[in-house]
C-alpha atoms as a PDB file:
ATOM      1  CA  MET A   1       3.972  21.280  -6.657  1.00  0.00           C
ATOM      2  CA  THR A   2       0.873  23.415  -6.133  1.00  0.00           C
ATOM      3  CA  THR A   3      -0.565  23.734  -2.625  1.00  0.00           C
ATOM      4  CA  VAL A   4      -4.084  24.622  -1.542  1.00  0.00           C
ATOM      5  CA  SER A   5      -5.807  24.568   1.822  1.00  0.00           C
ATOM      6  CA  ALA A   6      -9.058  22.735   2.391  1.00  0.00           C
ATOM      7  CA  SER A   7     -10.916  26.044   2.196  1.00  0.00           C
ATOM      8  CA  THR A   8      -9.574  26.814  -1.283  1.00  0.00           C
ATOM      9  CA  ALA A   9      -9.840  23.332  -2.765  1.00  0.00           C
ATOM     10  CA  SER A  10     -13.203  24.271  -4.247  1.00  0.00           C
ATOM     11  CA  ALA A  11     -11.658  27.066  -6.293  1.00  0.00           C
ATOM     12  CA  ALA A  12      -8.931  24.717  -7.482  1.00  0.00           C
ATOM     13  CA  SER A  13     -11.534  22.182  -8.572  1.00  0.00           C
ATOM     14  CA  ASN A  14     -13.398  24.818 -10.593  1.00  0.00           C
ATOM     15  CA  ALA A  15     -10.215  25.704 -12.428  1.00  0.00           C
ATOM     16  CA  SER A  16      -9.684  22.077 -13.411  1.00  0.00           C
ATOM     17  CA  SER A  17     -13.315  21.085 -13.878  1.00  0.00           C
ATOM     18  CA  SER A  18     -12.680  20.107 -17.496  1.00  0.00           C
ATOM     19  CA  SER A  19     -10.221  17.471 -16.278  1.00  0.00           C
ATOM     20  CA  PRO A  20     -11.552  15.640 -13.204  1.00  0.00           C
ATOM     21  CA  ALA A  21      -8.833  14.914 -10.695  1.00  0.00           C
ATOM     22  CA  ILE A  22      -7.566  11.735  -9.123  1.00  0.00           C
ATOM     23  CA  LEU A  23      -7.227  12.179  -5.351  1.00  0.00           C
ATOM     24  CA  VAL A  24      -4.489  10.154  -3.659  1.00  0.00           C
ATOM     25  CA  THR A  25      -4.712   9.611   0.100  1.00  0.00           C
ATOM     26  CA  GLY A  26      -1.606   8.582   2.022  1.00  0.00           C
ATOM     27  CA  ALA A  27       0.229  10.647  -0.573  1.00  0.00           C
ATOM     28  CA  THR A  28       3.457  11.103   1.391  1.00  0.00           C
ATOM     29  CA  GLY A  29       3.903   7.448   2.390  1.00  0.00           C
ATOM     30  CA  SER A  30       6.056   4.793   0.782  1.00  0.00           C
ATOM     31  CA  VAL A  31       3.308   3.655  -1.606  1.00  0.00           C
ATOM     32  CA  GLY A  32       1.223   6.813  -1.987  1.00  0.00           C
ATOM     33  CA  ARG A  33       4.158   9.017  -2.977  1.00  0.00           C
ATOM     34  CA  GLN A  34       5.084   6.584  -5.738  1.00  0.00           C
ATOM     35  CA  VAL A  35       1.461   6.413  -6.922  1.00  0.00           C
ATOM     36  CA  VAL A  36       1.484  10.218  -7.239  1.00  0.00           C
ATOM     37  CA  GLN A  37       4.733  10.068  -9.205  1.00  0.00           C
ATOM     38  CA  GLN A  38       3.437   7.374 -11.534  1.00  0.00           C
ATOM     39  CA  LEU A  39       0.232   9.302 -12.216  1.00  0.00           C
ATOM     40  CA  ALA A  40       2.090  12.558 -12.814  1.00  0.00           C
ATOM     41  CA  ARG A  41       4.381  10.860 -15.343  1.00  0.00           C
ATOM     42  CA  ARG A  42       1.304   9.726 -17.213  1.00  0.00           C
ATOM     43  CA  GLY A  43      -0.130  13.238 -17.402  1.00  0.00           C
ATOM     44  CA  ALA A  44      -2.991  12.775 -14.942  1.00  0.00           C
ATOM     45  CA  THR A  45      -4.568  15.604 -12.959  1.00  0.00           C
ATOM     46  CA  VAL A  46      -3.507  14.623  -9.451  1.00  0.00           C
ATOM     47  CA  ARG A  47      -4.487  15.907  -6.039  1.00  0.00           C
ATOM     48  CA  ALA A  48      -2.480  14.687  -3.035  1.00  0.00           C
ATOM     49  CA  LEU A  49      -4.187  14.663   0.363  1.00  0.00           C
ATOM     50  CA  VAL A  50      -1.685  15.589   3.083  1.00  0.00           C
ATOM     51  CA  ARG A  51      -2.021  16.598   6.735  1.00  0.00           C
ATOM     52  CA  ASP A  52       0.491  19.435   6.390  1.00  0.00           C
ATOM     53  CA  VAL A  53       1.357  20.883   2.976  1.00  0.00           C
ATOM     54  CA  ALA A  54       4.563  22.334   4.440  1.00  0.00           C
ATOM     55  CA  LYS A  55       5.770  18.785   5.110  1.00  0.00           C
ATOM     56  CA  ALA A  56       4.560  17.289   1.847  1.00  0.00           C
ATOM     57  CA  GLY A  57       8.048  17.362   0.362  1.00  0.00           C
ATOM     58  CA  ASP A  58       8.848  17.592  -3.317  1.00  0.00           C
ATOM     59  CA  LEU A  59       5.755  16.328  -5.069  1.00  0.00           C
ATOM     60  CA  PRO A  60       5.943  16.327  -8.881  1.00  0.00           C
ATOM     61  CA  ALA A  61       5.222  19.514 -10.828  1.00  0.00           C
ATOM     62  CA  GLY A  62       1.537  19.999 -11.461  1.00  0.00           C
ATOM     63  CA  VAL A  63       0.398  17.939  -8.484  1.00  0.00           C
ATOM     64  CA  THR A  64      -1.895  19.826  -6.116  1.00  0.00           C
ATOM     65  CA  ALA A  65      -1.294  19.181  -2.418  1.00  0.00           C
ATOM     66  CA  VAL A  66      -4.571  19.519  -0.503  1.00  0.00           C
ATOM     67  CA  GLN A  67      -4.492  19.791   3.269  1.00  0.00           C
ATOM     68  CA  GLY A  68      -6.852  17.389   4.972  1.00  0.00           C
ATOM     69  CA  ASP A  69      -7.309  14.402   7.218  1.00  0.00           C
ATOM     70  CA  LEU A  70      -9.398  11.259   6.854  1.00  0.00           C
ATOM     71  CA  LEU A  71     -11.205  12.068  10.105  1.00  0.00           C
ATOM     72  CA  ASP A  72     -11.754  15.744   9.230  1.00  0.00           C
ATOM     73  CA  VAL A  73     -15.112  15.757   7.460  1.00  0.00           C
ATOM     74  CA  ASP A  74     -14.938  19.379   6.312  1.00  0.00           C
ATOM     75  CA  SER A  75     -11.473  19.017   4.802  1.00  0.00           C
ATOM     76  CA  LEU A  76     -12.471  15.833   2.980  1.00  0.00           C
ATOM     77  CA  ARG A  77     -15.613  17.435   1.581  1.00  0.00           C
ATOM     78  CA  ALA A  78     -13.468  20.231   0.157  1.00  0.00           C
ATOM     79  CA  ALA A  79     -10.791  17.864  -1.135  1.00  0.00           C
ATOM     80  CA  PHE A  80     -13.355  15.675  -2.921  1.00  0.00           C
ATOM     81  CA  GLN A  81     -14.812  18.541  -4.954  1.00  0.00           C
ATOM     82  CA  GLY A  82     -13.860  18.135  -8.602  1.00  0.00           C
ATOM     83  CA  VAL A  83     -12.530  14.618  -7.980  1.00  0.00           C
ATOM     84  CA  ASP A  84     -13.613  11.774 -10.221  1.00  0.00           C
ATOM     85  CA  THR A  85     -11.410   8.913  -8.981  1.00  0.00           C
ATOM     86  CA  LEU A  86     -10.067   8.059  -5.514  1.00  0.00           C
ATOM     87  CA  PHE A  87      -7.012   6.127  -4.389  1.00  0.00           C
ATOM     88  CA  LEU A  88      -7.862   5.078  -0.843  1.00  0.00           C
ATOM     89  CA  LEU A  89      -4.941   4.087   1.354  1.00  0.00           C
ATOM     90  CA  ASN A  90      -5.303   3.897   5.134  1.00  0.00           C
ATOM     91  CA  ALA A  91      -2.384   3.555   7.498  1.00  0.00           C
ATOM     92  CA  VAL A  92      -2.399   0.848  10.174  1.00  0.00           C
ATOM     93  CA  VAL A  93      -3.838   2.896  13.036  1.00  0.00           C
ATOM     94  CA  PRO A  94      -6.441   2.107  15.729  1.00  0.00           C
ATOM     95  CA  ASP A  95      -9.222   3.944  13.838  1.00  0.00           C
ATOM     96  CA  GLU A  96      -8.281   2.710  10.355  1.00  0.00           C
ATOM     97  CA  PHE A  97     -11.743   1.253   9.710  1.00  0.00           C
ATOM     98  CA  THR A  98     -13.503   4.453  10.794  1.00  0.00           C
ATOM     99  CA  GLN A  99     -11.232   6.551   8.582  1.00  0.00           C
ATOM    100  CA  ALA A 100     -12.047   4.406   5.576  1.00  0.00           C
ATOM    101  CA  LEU A 101     -15.802   4.469   6.155  1.00  0.00           C
ATOM    102  CA  VAL A 102     -15.847   8.241   6.627  1.00  0.00           C
ATOM    103  CA  ALA A 103     -13.901   8.624   3.380  1.00  0.00           C
ATOM    104  CA  LEU A 104     -16.184   6.237   1.476  1.00  0.00           C
ATOM    105  CA  ASN A 105     -19.378   7.911   2.662  1.00  0.00           C
ATOM    106  CA  LEU A 106     -18.076  11.366   1.784  1.00  0.00           C
ATOM    107  CA  ALA A 107     -16.844  10.103  -1.579  1.00  0.00           C
ATOM    108  CA  ARG A 108     -20.304   8.792  -2.380  1.00  0.00           C
ATOM    109  CA  GLU A 109     -21.796  12.088  -1.218  1.00  0.00           C
ATOM    110  CA  ALA A 110     -19.466  13.880  -3.652  1.00  0.00           C
ATOM    111  CA  GLY A 111     -20.495  11.644  -6.545  1.00  0.00           C
ATOM    112  CA  ILE A 112     -17.201   9.770  -6.808  1.00  0.00           C
ATOM    113  CA  GLU A 113     -17.826   6.350  -8.343  1.00  0.00           C
ATOM    114  CA  ARG A 114     -14.342   5.126  -9.245  1.00  0.00           C
ATOM    115  CA  ILE A 115     -12.043   3.809  -6.530  1.00  0.00           C
ATOM    116  CA  VAL A 116      -8.786   1.939  -6.168  1.00  0.00           C
ATOM    117  CA  TYR A 117      -8.404   0.625  -2.613  1.00  0.00           C
ATOM    118  CA  LEU A 118      -5.193  -0.722  -1.111  1.00  0.00           C
ATOM    119  CA  SER A 119      -6.194  -3.732   0.973  1.00  0.00           C
ATOM    120  CA  VAL A 120      -4.009  -6.746   1.792  1.00  0.00           C
ATOM    121  CA  ILE A 121      -3.697 -10.284   0.473  1.00  0.00           C
ATOM    122  CA  HIS A 122      -5.722 -12.914   2.362  1.00  0.00           C
ATOM    123  CA  ALA A 123      -7.752 -10.209   4.109  1.00  0.00           C
ATOM    124  CA  ASP A 124     -10.632 -12.680   4.116  1.00  0.00           C
ATOM    125  CA  ARG A 125      -8.507 -15.428   5.715  1.00  0.00           C
ATOM    126  CA  TYR A 126      -6.403 -13.672   8.350  1.00  0.00           C
ATOM    127  CA  VAL A 127      -9.633 -12.889  10.184  1.00  0.00           C
ATOM    128  CA  ASN A 128      -8.084 -12.616  13.671  1.00  0.00           C
ATOM    129  CA  VAL A 129      -5.462 -10.041  12.627  1.00  0.00           C
ATOM    130  CA  PRO A 130      -6.889  -6.577  13.354  1.00  0.00           C
ATOM    131  CA  HIS A 131      -5.609  -4.642  10.353  1.00  0.00           C
ATOM    132  CA  PHE A 132      -6.444  -7.489   7.967  1.00  0.00           C
ATOM    133  CA  ALA A 133      -9.974  -7.779   9.354  1.00  0.00           C
ATOM    134  CA  GLY A 134     -10.405  -4.014   9.089  1.00  0.00           C
ATOM    135  CA  LYS A 135      -9.350  -3.969   5.452  1.00  0.00           C
ATOM    136  CA  TYR A 136     -11.686  -6.844   4.649  1.00  0.00           C
ATOM    137  CA  GLY A 137     -14.518  -4.868   6.253  1.00  0.00           C
ATOM    138  CA  VAL A 138     -13.672  -1.943   3.978  1.00  0.00           C
ATOM    139  CA  GLU A 139     -13.717  -4.246   0.954  1.00  0.00           C
ATOM    140  CA  ARG A 140     -17.212  -5.378   1.898  1.00  0.00           C
ATOM    141  CA  MET A 141     -18.404  -1.796   2.359  1.00  0.00           C
ATOM    142  CA  ILE A 142     -17.015  -0.793  -1.047  1.00  0.00           C
ATOM    143  CA  GLU A 143     -19.106  -3.502  -2.664  1.00  0.00           C
ATOM    144  CA  GLN A 144     -22.240  -2.906  -0.584  1.00  0.00           C
ATOM    145  CA  MET A 145     -22.116   0.849  -1.219  1.00  0.00           C
ATOM    146  CA  GLY A 146     -22.142   0.224  -4.966  1.00  0.00           C
ATOM    147  CA  PHE A 147     -18.740   1.624  -5.921  1.00  0.00           C
ATOM    148  CA  GLY A 148     -16.873   0.405  -8.978  1.00  0.00           C
ATOM    149  CA  ALA A 149     -13.474  -0.414  -7.537  1.00  0.00           C
ATOM    150  CA  THR A 150     -10.181  -2.144  -8.018  1.00  0.00           C
ATOM    151  CA  ILE A 151      -9.227  -3.772  -4.745  1.00  0.00           C
ATOM    152  CA  LEU A 152      -5.476  -4.266  -4.605  1.00  0.00           C
ATOM    153  CA  ARG A 153      -4.296  -6.990  -2.247  1.00  0.00           C
ATOM    154  CA  PRO A 154      -0.532  -6.782  -1.713  1.00  0.00           C
ATOM    155  CA  ALA A 155       1.515  -9.428   0.020  1.00  0.00           C
ATOM    156  CA  TYR A 156       4.391  -8.654   2.419  1.00  0.00           C
ATOM    157  CA  PHE A 157       6.299  -5.528   1.377  1.00  0.00           C
ATOM    158  CA  MET A 158       9.906  -6.509   0.776  1.00  0.00           C
ATOM    159  CA  GLY A 159      10.786  -2.903   1.672  1.00  0.00           C
ATOM    160  CA  ASN A 160       9.819  -3.729   5.276  1.00  0.00           C
ATOM    161  CA  ASP A 161      13.169  -5.477   5.483  1.00  0.00           C
ATOM    162  CA  TRP A 162      15.069  -2.194   5.331  1.00  0.00           C
ATOM    163  CA  SER A 163      14.303  -2.039   9.047  1.00  0.00           C
ATOM    164  CA  ILE A 164      16.285  -5.193   9.803  1.00  0.00           C
ATOM    165  CA  LYS A 165      19.263  -4.666   7.485  1.00  0.00           C
ATOM    166  CA  ASP A 166      21.603  -3.913  10.403  1.00  0.00           C
ATOM    167  CA  VAL A 167      20.781  -7.281  11.959  1.00  0.00           C
ATOM    168  CA  VAL A 168      21.453  -9.068   8.680  1.00  0.00           C
ATOM    169  CA  LEU A 169      24.611  -7.143   7.839  1.00  0.00           C
ATOM    170  CA  GLY A 170      26.005  -6.868  11.345  1.00  0.00           C
ATOM    171  CA  HIS A 171      25.025 -10.171  12.931  1.00  0.00           C
ATOM    172  CA  GLY A 172      24.531 -12.558  10.000  1.00  0.00           C
ATOM    173  CA  VAL A 173      20.911 -13.284  10.934  1.00  0.00           C
ATOM    174  CA  TYR A 174      17.688 -12.772   8.993  1.00  0.00           C
ATOM    175  CA  PRO A 175      15.360 -12.221  11.973  1.00  0.00           C
ATOM    176  CA  MET A 176      11.856 -12.041  10.518  1.00  0.00           C
ATOM    177  CA  PRO A 177       9.554 -14.902  11.631  1.00  0.00           C
ATOM    178  CA  ILE A 178       8.097 -15.637   8.204  1.00  0.00           C
ATOM    179  CA  GLY A 179       8.005 -19.419   8.485  1.00  0.00           C
ATOM    180  CA  ALA A 180       8.164 -22.252   5.965  1.00  0.00           C
ATOM    181  CA  LYS A 181       4.887 -21.799   4.066  1.00  0.00           C
ATOM    182  CA  GLY A 182       6.312 -18.949   1.996  1.00  0.00           C
ATOM    183  CA  LEU A 183       5.572 -15.273   1.353  1.00  0.00           C
ATOM    184  CA  ALA A 184       5.284 -13.788  -2.149  1.00  0.00           C
ATOM    185  CA  MET A 185       7.097 -10.595  -1.179  1.00  0.00           C
ATOM    186  CA  VAL A 186       6.299  -7.594  -3.386  1.00  0.00           C
ATOM    187  CA  ASP A 187       8.111  -4.333  -4.110  1.00  0.00           C
ATOM    188  CA  THR A 188       6.330  -1.044  -3.377  1.00  0.00           C
ATOM    189  CA  ALA A 189       7.287   0.321  -6.809  1.00  0.00           C
ATOM    190  CA  ASP A 190       5.376  -2.541  -8.434  1.00  0.00           C
ATOM    191  CA  ILE A 191       2.400  -1.881  -6.146  1.00  0.00           C
ATOM    192  CA  ALA A 192       2.382   1.815  -7.028  1.00  0.00           C
ATOM    193  CA  GLU A 193       2.635   1.268 -10.762  1.00  0.00           C
ATOM    194  CA  VAL A 194      -0.249  -1.213 -10.791  1.00  0.00           C
ATOM    195  CA  ALA A 195      -2.288   1.249  -8.702  1.00  0.00           C
ATOM    196  CA  ALA A 196      -1.601   4.067 -11.174  1.00  0.00           C
ATOM    197  CA  ILE A 197      -2.519   1.881 -14.141  1.00  0.00           C
ATOM    198  CA  GLU A 198      -5.794   0.900 -12.496  1.00  0.00           C
ATOM    199  CA  LEU A 199      -6.601   4.473 -11.443  1.00  0.00           C
ATOM    200  CA  LEU A 200      -6.166   5.700 -15.002  1.00  0.00           C
ATOM    201  CA  ARG A 201      -8.110   2.754 -16.439  1.00  0.00           C
ATOM    202  CA  ARG A 202     -11.050   3.676 -14.229  1.00  0.00           C
ATOM    203  CA  ALA A 203     -10.669   7.440 -14.642  1.00  0.00           C
ATOM    204  CA  GLN A 204     -10.598   7.183 -18.436  1.00  0.00           C
ATOM    205  CA  ALA A 205     -13.460   4.702 -18.793  1.00  0.00           C
ATOM    206  CA  ALA A 206     -16.782   5.947 -20.172  1.00  0.00           C
ATOM    207  CA  GLY A 207     -18.507   4.843 -16.956  1.00  0.00           C
ATOM    208  CA  PRO A 208     -17.840   2.990 -13.713  1.00  0.00           C
ATOM    209  CA  LEU A 209     -16.277  -0.424 -14.241  1.00  0.00           C
ATOM    210  CA  PRO A 210     -17.103  -3.609 -12.310  1.00  0.00           C
ATOM    211  CA  THR A 211     -15.246  -4.309  -9.092  1.00  0.00           C
ATOM    212  CA  THR A 212     -12.168  -6.482  -9.419  1.00  0.00           C
ATOM    213  CA  ARG A 213      -9.523  -7.808  -7.035  1.00  0.00           C
ATOM    214  CA  ILE A 214      -5.839  -8.065  -7.886  1.00  0.00           C
ATOM    215  CA  ASN A 215      -3.308  -9.898  -5.734  1.00  0.00           C
ATOM    216  CA  LEU A 216      -0.034  -7.960  -5.723  1.00  0.00           C
ATOM    217  CA  VAL A 217       2.822 -10.410  -5.325  1.00  0.00           C
ATOM    218  CA  GLY A 218       6.460 -10.811  -6.190  1.00  0.00           C
ATOM    219  CA  PRO A 219       7.927 -13.363  -8.601  1.00  0.00           C
ATOM    220  CA  ASP A 220       9.056 -15.762  -5.863  1.00  0.00           C
ATOM    221  CA  THR A 221       7.383 -17.282  -2.813  1.00  0.00           C
ATOM    222  CA  LEU A 222      10.064 -17.330  -0.136  1.00  0.00           C
ATOM    223  CA  THR A 223      10.503 -19.041   3.230  1.00  0.00           C
ATOM    224  CA  GLY A 224      12.654 -17.709   6.044  1.00  0.00           C
ATOM    225  CA  ALA A 225      15.441 -20.108   5.089  1.00  0.00           C
ATOM    226  CA  ALA A 226      15.189 -19.078   1.418  1.00  0.00           C
ATOM    227  CA  VAL A 227      15.465 -15.375   2.275  1.00  0.00           C
ATOM    228  CA  ALA A 228      18.522 -16.068   4.447  1.00  0.00           C
ATOM    229  CA  ALA A 229      20.067 -17.965   1.526  1.00  0.00           C
ATOM    230  CA  ILE A 230      19.499 -14.982  -0.777  1.00  0.00           C
ATOM    231  CA  TRP A 231      21.266 -12.696   1.677  1.00  0.00           C
ATOM    232  CA  ALA A 232      24.138 -15.188   1.939  1.00  0.00           C
ATOM    233  CA  GLU A 233      24.491 -15.248  -1.846  1.00  0.00           C
ATOM    234  CA  VAL A 234      24.385 -11.454  -2.160  1.00  0.00           C
ATOM    235  CA  LEU A 235      26.797 -10.816   0.719  1.00  0.00           C
ATOM    236  CA  GLY A 236      29.107 -13.732   0.034  1.00  0.00           C
ATOM    237  CA  ARG A 237      29.053 -14.995   3.616  1.00  0.00           C
ATOM    238  CA  PRO A 238      26.829 -17.172   5.807  1.00  0.00           C
ATOM    239  CA  ILE A 239      23.459 -15.747   6.847  1.00  0.00           C
ATOM    240  CA  VAL A 240      21.047 -17.831   8.911  1.00  0.00           C
ATOM    241  CA  HIS A 241      17.343 -17.523   9.585  1.00  0.00           C
ATOM    242  CA  GLY A 242      16.727 -16.540  13.198  1.00  0.00           C
ATOM    243  CA  GLY A 243      13.657 -18.727  13.601  1.00  0.00           C
ATOM    244  CA  ASP A 244       9.980 -18.138  14.172  1.00  0.00           C
ATOM    245  CA  ASP A 245       9.590 -16.996  17.768  1.00  0.00           C
ATOM    246  CA  THR A 246       6.610 -14.648  17.468  1.00  0.00           C
ATOM    247  CA  ALA A 247       6.633 -13.732  21.166  1.00  0.00           C
ATOM    248  CA  ALA A 248      10.204 -12.427  20.821  1.00  0.00           C
ATOM    249  CA  PHE A 249       9.168 -10.654  17.617  1.00  0.00           C
ATOM    250  CA  GLU A 250       6.399  -8.825  19.496  1.00  0.00           C
ATOM    251  CA  ALA A 251       8.776  -7.914  22.324  1.00  0.00           C
ATOM    252  CA  ASN A 252      11.298  -6.424  19.877  1.00  0.00           C
ATOM    253  CA  LEU A 253       8.627  -4.426  18.066  1.00  0.00           C
ATOM    254  CA  ARG A 254       7.484  -2.883  21.346  1.00  0.00           C
ATOM    255  CA  HIS A 255      10.745  -0.916  21.461  1.00  0.00           C
ATOM    256  CA  PHE A 256       9.583   1.319  18.602  1.00  0.00           C
ATOM    257  CA  MET A 257       5.806   0.951  18.205  1.00  0.00           C
ATOM    258  CA  PRO A 258       2.725   0.886  20.478  1.00  0.00           C
ATOM    259  CA  GLY A 259       1.858  -2.377  22.197  1.00  0.00           C
ATOM    260  CA  TRP A 260      -1.390  -2.819  20.271  1.00  0.00           C
ATOM    261  CA  MET A 261       0.473  -2.554  16.952  1.00  0.00           C
ATOM    262  CA  ALA A 262       3.252  -4.914  18.043  1.00  0.00           C
ATOM    263  CA  TYR A 263       0.608  -7.469  19.007  1.00  0.00           C
ATOM    264  CA  ASP A 264      -1.173  -6.965  15.666  1.00  0.00           C
ATOM    265  CA  MET A 265       2.140  -7.684  13.902  1.00  0.00           C
ATOM    266  CA  ARG A 266       2.667 -10.772  16.044  1.00  0.00           C
ATOM    267  CA  LEU A 267      -0.751 -12.111  15.082  1.00  0.00           C
ATOM    268  CA  MET A 268       0.108 -11.491  11.431  1.00  0.00           C
ATOM    269  CA  ALA A 269       3.410 -13.352  11.803  1.00  0.00           C
ATOM    270  CA  GLU A 270       1.599 -16.297  13.367  1.00  0.00           C
ATOM    271  CA  ARG A 271      -0.576 -16.487  10.252  1.00  0.00           C
ATOM    272  CA  PHE A 272       2.587 -16.393   8.148  1.00  0.00           C
ATOM    273  CA  LEU A 273       3.581 -19.582   9.940  1.00  0.00           C
ATOM    274  CA  THR A 274       0.247 -21.364   9.522  1.00  0.00           C
ATOM    275  CA  ASP A 275      -0.948 -19.999   6.166  1.00  0.00           C
ATOM    276  CA  GLY A 276       1.843 -18.161   4.402  1.00  0.00           C
ATOM    277  CA  MET A 277       1.128 -15.548   1.732  1.00  0.00           C
ATOM    278  CA  VAL A 278       0.929 -17.716  -1.328  1.00  0.00           C
ATOM    279  CA  PRO A 279      -0.254 -16.297  -4.663  1.00  0.00           C
ATOM    280  CA  GLU A 280      -3.067 -17.791  -6.649  1.00  0.00           C
ATOM    281  CA  ALA A 281      -2.471 -19.453 -10.004  1.00  0.00           C
ATOM    282  CA  GLY A 282      -1.897 -16.813 -12.659  1.00  0.00           C
ATOM    283  CA  ASP A 283      -1.140 -13.904 -10.307  1.00  0.00           C
ATOM    284  CA  VAL A 284       2.469 -13.440 -11.419  1.00  0.00           C
ATOM    285  CA  ASP A 285       1.591 -13.728 -15.111  1.00  0.00           C
ATOM    286  CA  ARG A 286      -1.261 -11.243 -14.729  1.00  0.00           C
ATOM    287  CA  LEU A 287       0.953  -8.649 -13.064  1.00  0.00           C
ATOM    288  CA  THR A 288       3.801  -9.167 -15.524  1.00  0.00           C
ATOM    289  CA  ALA A 289       1.407  -8.586 -18.418  1.00  0.00           C
ATOM    290  CA  LEU A 290      -0.129  -5.540 -16.742  1.00  0.00           C
ATOM    291  CA  LEU A 291       3.265  -3.925 -16.125  1.00  0.00           C
ATOM    292  CA  GLY A 292       4.850  -5.080 -19.360  1.00  0.00           C
ATOM    293  CA  ARG A 293       7.992  -6.112 -17.471  1.00  0.00           C
ATOM    294  CA  PRO A 294       9.181  -8.629 -14.883  1.00  0.00           C
ATOM    295  CA  LEU A 295       8.297  -8.115 -11.239  1.00  0.00           C
ATOM    296  CA  ARG A 296      11.135  -7.034  -8.976  1.00  0.00           C
ATOM    297  CA  SER A 297      12.712  -9.908  -7.095  1.00  0.00           C
ATOM    298  CA  TYR A 298      13.801 -10.061  -3.465  1.00  0.00           C
ATOM    299  CA  ARG A 299      17.318 -10.773  -4.658  1.00  0.00           C
ATOM    300  CA  ASP A 300      17.371  -7.410  -6.467  1.00  0.00           C
ATOM    301  CA  PHE A 301      16.133  -5.759  -3.273  1.00  0.00           C
ATOM    302  CA  ALA A 302      18.811  -7.426  -1.147  1.00  0.00           C
ATOM    303  CA  ALA A 303      21.490  -6.413  -3.646  1.00  0.00           C
ATOM    304  CA  GLN A 304      20.311  -2.798  -3.439  1.00  0.00           C
ATOM    305  CA  VAL A 305      20.455  -2.853   0.372  1.00  0.00           C
ATOM    306  CA  ALA A 306      23.935  -4.364   0.313  1.00  0.00           C
ATOM    307  CA  ALA A 307      25.180  -1.820  -2.236  1.00  0.00           C
ATOM    308  CA  GLN A 308      23.921   1.097  -0.118  1.00  0.00           C
ATOM    309  CA  ALA A 309      25.194  -0.231   3.199  1.00  0.00           C
END
């Protein structure tokens, strides 16, 4: 891993000017780190935006870690120099929308025309859920600002369920209030690989490509009862679904996240109950063809959790 500060990013961009870079934001998170890895494996020139290069961890060889922040205009200006393509990922934070708009405006200022944005499935339908509404606003700004972009819309991350494994394994209860409409849970590795494929498709194109949206889903659309049944099969003992009490869900979340975020998650769960996260016709086939392999199933995820417990 190479590291540069915001003040020296310009020199780094000059050295690699013959090979425009792909800048990955959120590069140390569960998705962003895997996007960086996928791009590096494919020989791309990758720049990883991190708040603290000392805490960036072991990024792949050849990846340049650039110190910066999505609300630090000067650091972003430096990081964007020599960049051709942007992977924009914003964490769920109170100023998520502002971060994204600052990044988009500075990207346009820098002449970046190719973007892959990580949004969320049904962003246009879950309109009362703050982080969904924010991501839909970013989608609209991407289009209105004239970028060529791939807008990735993932469903529920099956990896979220690492956080409740002790409840499943220790108490025989799957506690997530995901309802009976069904969620097409998706693996972060599948998300990251699709993102890398789309970033390279745009980076290698002769010019900016039209904007497209891709729903990122898993192979199965699962209810709370169906997920509990998968755990029961994997563990070889009864596992029950704990029900859909969203008020209790919010109260539990407040033990380890701010109240505003716990309430945001409650509102999301309530839309799980009324709407679900159901893929559109052809989504699974499209992703399978794009990846050239089957999508990872929730059963495979549960088996991995059980094996590592």
